[in-house]
Amino acid sequence: MAEKVKKLPSINFDECAGCSVCIENCPKNCLGLTGPRFHGDIHTVAELQNKEDCLGCGICAKVCPIEAIAMMEV
């Protein structure tokens, strides 16, 4: 039997709107928002903050309204 390959979310920071839909739907609370990149910046994006607990379920990618998340093999 072949070993199942784990996939983790890969977030496109240039496309992510920081809407938090993925964060709210993650069953293991593995996602969070980044802080601003520079002083005066108000743009935040989602990021995988706890990859050890991530199930690789893909819910975050499925609920992203702008398809900024793709599941990638680790």
PDB file of N, CA and C in Angstrom:
ATOM      1  N   MET A   1       0.838  -1.182   0.000  1.00  0.00           N
ATOM      2  CA  MET A   1       0.000   0.000   0.000  1.00  0.00           C
ATOM      3  C   MET A   1       0.881   1.244   0.000  1.00  0.00           C
ATOM      4  N   ALA A   2       0.594   2.177  -0.884  1.00  0.00           N
ATOM      5  CA  ALA A   2       1.395   3.394  -1.015  1.00  0.00           C
ATOM      6  C   ALA A   2       1.145   4.325   0.159  1.00  0.00           C
ATOM      7  N   GLU A   3       2.209   4.998   0.583  1.00  0.00           N
ATOM      8  CA  GLU A   3       2.098   5.952   1.678  1.00  0.00           C
ATOM      9  C   GLU A   3       1.411   7.219   1.187  1.00  0.00           C
ATOM     10  N   LYS A   4       0.470   7.719   1.974  1.00  0.00           N
ATOM     11  CA  LYS A   4      -0.253   8.933   1.601  1.00  0.00           C
ATOM     12  C   LYS A   4       0.651  10.147   1.776  1.00  0.00           C
ATOM     13  N   VAL A   5       0.685  10.993   0.776  1.00  0.00           N
ATOM     14  CA  VAL A   5       1.515  12.192   0.809  1.00  0.00           C
ATOM     15  C   VAL A   5       0.727  13.317   1.468  1.00  0.00           C
ATOM     16  N   LYS A   6       1.335  13.947   2.473  1.00  0.00           N
ATOM     17  CA  LYS A   6       0.669  15.053   3.160  1.00  0.00           C
ATOM     18  C   LYS A   6       0.779  16.319   2.334  1.00  0.00           C
ATOM     19  N   LYS A   7      -0.319  17.051   2.303  1.00  0.00           N
ATOM     20  CA  LYS A   7      -0.343  18.338   1.615  1.00  0.00           C
ATOM     21  C   LYS A   7      -0.622  19.431   2.629  1.00  0.00           C
ATOM     22  N   LEU A   8       0.013  20.576   2.428  1.00  0.00           N
ATOM     23  CA  LEU A   8      -0.198  21.733   3.279  1.00  0.00           C
ATOM     24  C   LEU A   8      -0.653  22.903   2.415  1.00  0.00           C
ATOM     25  N   PRO A   9      -1.380  23.848   3.010  1.00  0.00           N
ATOM     26  CA  PRO A   9      -1.831  25.001   2.237  1.00  0.00           C
ATOM     27  C   PRO A   9      -0.678  25.919   1.857  1.00  0.00           C
ATOM     28  N   SER A  10      -0.698  26.354   0.614  1.00  0.00           N
ATOM     29  CA  SER A  10       0.253  27.338   0.118  1.00  0.00           C
ATOM     30  C   SER A  10      -0.570  28.575  -0.246  1.00  0.00           C
ATOM     31  N   ILE A  11      -0.310  29.671   0.441  1.00  0.00           N
ATOM     32  CA  ILE A  11      -1.112  30.881   0.270  1.00  0.00           C
ATOM     33  C   ILE A  11      -0.374  31.869  -0.619  1.00  0.00           C
ATOM     34  N   ASN A  12      -1.059  32.321  -1.663  1.00  0.00           N
ATOM     35  CA  ASN A  12      -0.504  33.317  -2.562  1.00  0.00           C
ATOM     36  C   ASN A  12      -0.675  34.682  -1.895  1.00  0.00           C
ATOM     37  N   PHE A  13       0.411  35.204  -1.320  1.00  0.00           N
ATOM     38  CA  PHE A  13       0.349  36.453  -0.572  1.00  0.00           C
ATOM     39  C   PHE A  13      -0.037  37.651  -1.432  1.00  0.00           C
ATOM     40  N   ASP A  14       0.250  37.586  -2.728  1.00  0.00           N
ATOM     41  CA  ASP A  14      -0.103  38.702  -3.617  1.00  0.00           C
ATOM     42  C   ASP A  14      -1.600  38.749  -3.904  1.00  0.00           C
ATOM     43  N   GLU A  15      -2.265  37.595  -3.806  1.00  0.00           N
ATOM     44  CA  GLU A  15      -3.699  37.545  -4.093  1.00  0.00           C
ATOM     45  C   GLU A  15      -4.569  37.552  -2.842  1.00  0.00           C
ATOM     46  N   CYS A  16      -4.044  37.079  -1.717  1.00  0.00           N
ATOM     47  CA  CYS A  16      -4.828  36.969  -0.488  1.00  0.00           C
ATOM     48  C   CYS A  16      -5.335  38.351  -0.059  1.00  0.00           C
ATOM     49  N   ALA A  17      -6.639  38.417   0.246  1.00  0.00           N
ATOM     50  CA  ALA A  17      -7.266  39.673   0.665  1.00  0.00           C
ATOM     51  C   ALA A  17      -7.318  39.810   2.181  1.00  0.00           C
ATOM     52  N   GLY A  18      -6.890  38.787   2.911  1.00  0.00           N
ATOM     53  CA  GLY A  18      -6.916  38.855   4.362  1.00  0.00           C
ATOM     54  C   GLY A  18      -8.323  38.832   4.939  1.00  0.00           C
ATOM     55  N   CYS A  19      -9.241  38.155   4.269  1.00  0.00           N
ATOM     56  CA  CYS A  19     -10.653  38.148   4.681  1.00  0.00           C
ATOM     57  C   CYS A  19     -10.923  37.240   5.877  1.00  0.00           C
ATOM     58  N   SER A  20     -10.028  36.332   6.185  1.00  0.00           N
ATOM     59  CA  SER A  20     -10.103  35.412   7.326  1.00  0.00           C
ATOM     60  C   SER A  20     -11.100  34.270   7.180  1.00  0.00           C
ATOM     61  N   VAL A  21     -11.672  34.058   6.016  1.00  0.00           N
ATOM     62  CA  VAL A  21     -12.609  32.945   5.829  1.00  0.00           C
ATOM     63  C   VAL A  21     -11.896  31.617   6.065  1.00  0.00           C
ATOM     64  N   CYS A  22     -10.689  31.485   5.567  1.00  0.00           N
ATOM     65  CA  CYS A  22      -9.928  30.245   5.764  1.00  0.00           C
ATOM     66  C   CYS A  22      -9.612  30.024   7.243  1.00  0.00           C
ATOM     67  N   ILE A  23      -9.267  31.081   7.936  1.00  0.00           N
ATOM     68  CA  ILE A  23      -8.926  31.006   9.352  1.00  0.00           C
ATOM     69  C   ILE A  23     -10.127  30.537  10.165  1.00  0.00           C
ATOM     70  N   GLU A  24     -11.279  31.091   9.868  1.00  0.00           N
ATOM     71  CA  GLU A  24     -12.506  30.747  10.592  1.00  0.00           C
ATOM     72  C   GLU A  24     -12.944  29.312  10.337  1.00  0.00           C
ATOM     73  N   ASN A  25     -12.578  28.737   9.206  1.00  0.00           N
ATOM     74  CA  ASN A  25     -13.012  27.390   8.850  1.00  0.00           C
ATOM     75  C   ASN A  25     -11.993  26.302   9.133  1.00  0.00           C
ATOM     76  N   CYS A  26     -10.791  26.646   9.549  1.00  0.00           N
ATOM     77  CA  CYS A  26      -9.763  25.643   9.833  1.00  0.00           C
ATOM     78  C   CYS A  26     -10.140  24.870  11.097  1.00  0.00           C
ATOM     79  N   PRO A  27     -10.293  23.546  10.998  1.00  0.00           N
ATOM     80  CA  PRO A  27     -10.708  22.765  12.166  1.00  0.00           C
ATOM     81  C   PRO A  27      -9.645  22.655  13.257  1.00  0.00           C
ATOM     82  N   LYS A  28      -8.398  22.954  12.946  1.00  0.00           N
ATOM     83  CA  LYS A  28      -7.304  22.837  13.924  1.00  0.00           C
ATOM     84  C   LYS A  28      -6.673  24.186  14.283  1.00  0.00           C
ATOM     85  N   ASN A  29      -7.261  25.290  13.808  1.00  0.00           N
ATOM     86  CA  ASN A  29      -6.757  26.642  14.098  1.00  0.00           C
ATOM     87  C   ASN A  29      -5.276  26.801  13.727  1.00  0.00           C
ATOM     88  N   CYS A  30      -4.930  26.344  12.541  1.00  0.00           N
ATOM     89  CA  CYS A  30      -3.537  26.381  12.089  1.00  0.00           C
ATOM     90  C   CYS A  30      -3.188  27.656  11.327  1.00  0.00           C
ATOM     91  N   LEU A  31      -4.201  28.420  10.945  1.00  0.00           N
ATOM     92  CA  LEU A  31      -3.974  29.615  10.147  1.00  0.00           C
ATOM     93  C   LEU A  31      -4.163  30.875  10.978  1.00  0.00           C
ATOM     94  N   GLY A  32      -3.466  31.934  10.586  1.00  0.00           N
ATOM     95  CA  GLY A  32      -3.604  33.233  11.237  1.00  0.00           C
ATOM     96  C   GLY A  32      -3.280  34.330  10.250  1.00  0.00           C
ATOM     97  N   LEU A  33      -3.416  35.568  10.685  1.00  0.00           N
ATOM     98  CA  LEU A  33      -3.095  36.706   9.825  1.00  0.00           C
ATOM     99  C   LEU A  33      -1.695  37.210  10.129  1.00  0.00           C
ATOM    100  N   THR A  34      -1.005  37.629   9.086  1.00  0.00           N
ATOM    101  CA  THR A  34       0.312  38.237   9.257  1.00  0.00           C
ATOM    102  C   THR A  34       0.130  39.659   9.760  1.00  0.00           C
ATOM    103  N   GLY A  35       1.176  40.202  10.266  1.00  0.00           N
ATOM    104  CA  GLY A  35       1.175  41.619  10.589  1.00  0.00           C
ATOM    105  C   GLY A  35       1.500  42.417   9.343  1.00  0.00           C
ATOM    106  N   PRO A  36       1.367  43.721   9.414  1.00  0.00           N
ATOM    107  CA  PRO A  36       1.735  44.557   8.264  1.00  0.00           C
ATOM    108  C   PRO A  36       3.214  44.383   7.916  1.00  0.00           C
ATOM    109  N   ARG A  37       3.533  44.514   6.649  1.00  0.00           N
ATOM    110  CA  ARG A  37       4.919  44.312   6.188  1.00  0.00           C
ATOM    111  C   ARG A  37       5.818  45.503   6.486  1.00  0.00           C
ATOM    112  N   PHE A  38       5.223  46.699   6.575  1.00  0.00           N
ATOM    113  CA  PHE A  38       6.012  47.900   6.849  1.00  0.00           C
ATOM    114  C   PHE A  38       5.138  48.910   7.576  1.00  0.00           C
ATOM    115  N   HIS A  39       5.743  49.903   8.184  1.00  0.00           N
ATOM    116  CA  HIS A  39       5.025  50.929   8.940  1.00  0.00           C
ATOM    117  C   HIS A  39       4.014  51.645   8.033  1.00  0.00           C
ATOM    118  N   GLY A  40       2.786  51.689   8.465  1.00  0.00           N
ATOM    119  CA  GLY A  40       1.744  52.341   7.689  1.00  0.00           C
ATOM    120  C   GLY A  40       0.962  51.406   6.788  1.00  0.00           C
ATOM    121  N   ASP A  41       1.448  50.167   6.635  1.00  0.00           N
ATOM    122  CA  ASP A  41       0.767  49.180   5.801  1.00  0.00           C
ATOM    123  C   ASP A  41      -0.423  48.616   6.571  1.00  0.00           C
ATOM    124  N   ILE A  42      -1.576  48.518   5.930  1.00  0.00           N
ATOM    125  CA  ILE A  42      -2.746  47.949   6.591  1.00  0.00           C
ATOM    126  C   ILE A  42      -3.128  46.591   6.011  1.00  0.00           C
ATOM    127  N   HIS A  43      -2.406  46.130   5.001  1.00  0.00           N
ATOM    128  CA  HIS A  43      -2.713  44.864   4.338  1.00  0.00           C
ATOM    129  C   HIS A  43      -2.145  43.702   5.144  1.00  0.00           C
ATOM    130  N   THR A  44      -3.018  42.779   5.515  1.00  0.00           N
ATOM    131  CA  THR A  44      -2.594  41.552   6.173  1.00  0.00           C
ATOM    132  C   THR A  44      -3.041  40.384   5.306  1.00  0.00           C
ATOM    133  N   VAL A  45      -2.356  39.269   5.423  1.00  0.00           N
ATOM    134  CA  VAL A  45      -2.702  38.074   4.650  1.00  0.00           C
ATOM    135  C   VAL A  45      -2.712  36.863   5.569  1.00  0.00           C
ATOM    136  N   ALA A  46      -3.393  35.825   5.137  1.00  0.00           N
ATOM    137  CA  ALA A  46      -3.411  34.573   5.893  1.00  0.00           C
ATOM    138  C   ALA A  46      -2.074  33.869   5.739  1.00  0.00           C
ATOM    139  N   GLU A  47      -1.691  33.140   6.778  1.00  0.00           N
ATOM    140  CA  GLU A  47      -0.478  32.338   6.714  1.00  0.00           C
ATOM    141  C   GLU A  47      -0.656  31.101   7.579  1.00  0.00           C
ATOM    142  N   LEU A  48       0.035  30.039   7.204  1.00  0.00           N
ATOM    143  CA  LEU A  48       0.037  28.813   7.984  1.00  0.00           C
ATOM    144  C   LEU A  48       0.965  29.032   9.173  1.00  0.00           C
ATOM    145  N   GLN A  49       0.407  29.047  10.372  1.00  0.00           N
ATOM    146  CA  GLN A  49       1.205  29.327  11.563  1.00  0.00           C
ATOM    147  C   GLN A  49       1.540  28.087  12.371  1.00  0.00           C
ATOM    148  N   ASN A  50       0.833  26.991  12.123  1.00  0.00           N
ATOM    149  CA  ASN A  50       1.084  25.780  12.902  1.00  0.00           C
ATOM    150  C   ASN A  50       1.007  24.558  11.985  1.00  0.00           C
ATOM    151  N   LYS A  51       2.050  24.339  11.206  1.00  0.00           N
ATOM    152  CA  LYS A  51       1.999  23.251  10.231  1.00  0.00           C
ATOM    153  C   LYS A  51       2.064  21.868  10.868  1.00  0.00           C
ATOM    154  N   GLU A  52       2.549  21.760  12.104  1.00  0.00           N
ATOM    155  CA  GLU A  52       2.595  20.463  12.774  1.00  0.00           C
ATOM    156  C   GLU A  52       1.188  19.923  13.041  1.00  0.00           C
ATOM    157  N   ASP A  53       0.235  20.798  13.350  1.00  0.00           N
ATOM    158  CA  ASP A  53      -1.135  20.380  13.645  1.00  0.00           C
ATOM    159  C   ASP A  53      -2.028  20.323  12.407  1.00  0.00           C
ATOM    160  N   CYS A  54      -1.554  20.850  11.297  1.00  0.00           N
ATOM    161  CA  CYS A  54      -2.362  20.883  10.073  1.00  0.00           C
ATOM    162  C   CYS A  54      -2.687  19.461   9.614  1.00  0.00           C
ATOM    163  N   LEU A  55      -3.961  19.218   9.362  1.00  0.00           N
ATOM    164  CA  LEU A  55      -4.414  17.900   8.906  1.00  0.00           C
ATOM    165  C   LEU A  55      -4.204  17.702   7.406  1.00  0.00           C
ATOM    166  N   GLY A  56      -4.034  18.791   6.681  1.00  0.00           N
ATOM    167  CA  GLY A  56      -3.950  18.700   5.226  1.00  0.00           C
ATOM    168  C   GLY A  56      -5.306  18.432   4.600  1.00  0.00           C
ATOM    169  N   CYS A  57      -6.370  18.820   5.297  1.00  0.00           N
ATOM    170  CA  CYS A  57      -7.735  18.513   4.856  1.00  0.00           C
ATOM    171  C   CYS A  57      -8.170  19.327   3.637  1.00  0.00           C
ATOM    172  N   GLY A  58      -7.579  20.504   3.422  1.00  0.00           N
ATOM    173  CA  GLY A  58      -7.913  21.319   2.264  1.00  0.00           C
ATOM    174  C   GLY A  58      -9.139  22.186   2.416  1.00  0.00           C
ATOM    175  N   ILE A  59      -9.722  22.219   3.604  1.00  0.00           N
ATOM    176  CA  ILE A  59     -10.911  23.057   3.807  1.00  0.00           C
ATOM    177  C   ILE A  59     -10.588  24.520   3.518  1.00  0.00           C
ATOM    178  N   CYS A  60      -9.429  24.976   3.949  1.00  0.00           N
ATOM    179  CA  CYS A  60      -9.046  26.376   3.732  1.00  0.00           C
ATOM    180  C   CYS A  60      -9.038  26.724   2.242  1.00  0.00           C
ATOM    181  N   ALA A  61      -8.493  25.831   1.438  1.00  0.00           N
ATOM    182  CA  ALA A  61      -8.442  26.069  -0.010  1.00  0.00           C
ATOM    183  C   ALA A  61      -9.841  26.053  -0.624  1.00  0.00           C
ATOM    184  N   LYS A  62     -10.703  25.176  -0.123  1.00  0.00           N
ATOM    185  CA  LYS A  62     -12.058  25.064  -0.667  1.00  0.00           C
ATOM    186  C   LYS A  62     -12.910  26.280  -0.344  1.00  0.00           C
ATOM    187  N   VAL A  63     -12.726  26.885   0.836  1.00  0.00           N
ATOM    188  CA  VAL A  63     -13.574  28.013   1.231  1.00  0.00           C
ATOM    189  C   VAL A  63     -13.017  29.368   0.815  1.00  0.00           C
ATOM    190  N   CYS A  64     -11.787  29.428   0.349  1.00  0.00           N
ATOM    191  CA  CYS A  64     -11.204  30.716  -0.060  1.00  0.00           C
ATOM    192  C   CYS A  64     -12.005  31.299  -1.225  1.00  0.00           C
ATOM    193  N   PRO A  65     -12.627  32.463  -1.019  1.00  0.00           N
ATOM    194  CA  PRO A  65     -13.494  33.024  -2.052  1.00  0.00           C
ATOM    195  C   PRO A  65     -12.753  33.512  -3.301  1.00  0.00           C
ATOM    196  N   ILE A  66     -11.442  33.716  -3.193  1.00  0.00           N
ATOM    197  CA  ILE A  66     -10.697  34.205  -4.360  1.00  0.00           C
ATOM    198  C   ILE A  66      -9.646  33.196  -4.832  1.00  0.00           C
ATOM    199  N   GLU A  67      -9.732  31.979  -4.312  1.00  0.00           N
ATOM    200  CA  GLU A  67      -8.841  30.889  -4.707  1.00  0.00           C
ATOM    201  C   GLU A  67      -7.358  31.253  -4.567  1.00  0.00           C
ATOM    202  N   ALA A  68      -7.016  31.863  -3.424  1.00  0.00           N
ATOM    203  CA  ALA A  68      -5.626  32.257  -3.170  1.00  0.00           C
ATOM    204  C   ALA A  68      -4.848  31.159  -2.448  1.00  0.00           C
ATOM    205  N   ILE A  69      -5.497  30.024  -2.167  1.00  0.00           N
ATOM    206  CA  ILE A  69      -4.840  28.930  -1.437  1.00  0.00           C
ATOM    207  C   ILE A  69      -4.861  27.672  -2.304  1.00  0.00           C
ATOM    208  N   ALA A  70      -3.707  27.041  -2.393  1.00  0.00           N
ATOM    209  CA  ALA A  70      -3.582  25.756  -3.098  1.00  0.00           C
ATOM    210  C   ALA A  70      -2.936  24.771  -2.143  1.00  0.00           C
ATOM    211  N   MET A  71      -3.345  23.531  -2.220  1.00  0.00           N
ATOM    212  CA  MET A  71      -2.738  22.488  -1.389  1.00  0.00           C
ATOM    213  C   MET A  71      -1.530  21.928  -2.135  1.00  0.00           C
ATOM    214  N   MET A  72      -0.386  21.939  -1.470  1.00  0.00           N
ATOM    215  CA  MET A  72       0.869  21.509  -2.072  1.00  0.00           C
ATOM    216  C   MET A  72       1.477  20.357  -1.273  1.00  0.00           C
ATOM    217  N   GLU A  73       2.092  19.394  -1.979  1.00  0.00           N
ATOM    218  CA  GLU A  73       2.764  18.281  -1.308  1.00  0.00           C
ATOM    219  C   GLU A  73       3.943  18.792  -0.493  1.00  0.00           C
ATOM    220  N   VAL A  74       4.133  18.163   0.651  1.00  0.00           N
ATOM    221  CA  VAL A  74       5.242  18.551   1.526  1.00  0.00           C
ATOM    222  C   VAL A  74       6.479  17.792   1.131  1.00  0.00           C
TER     223      VAL A  74
END
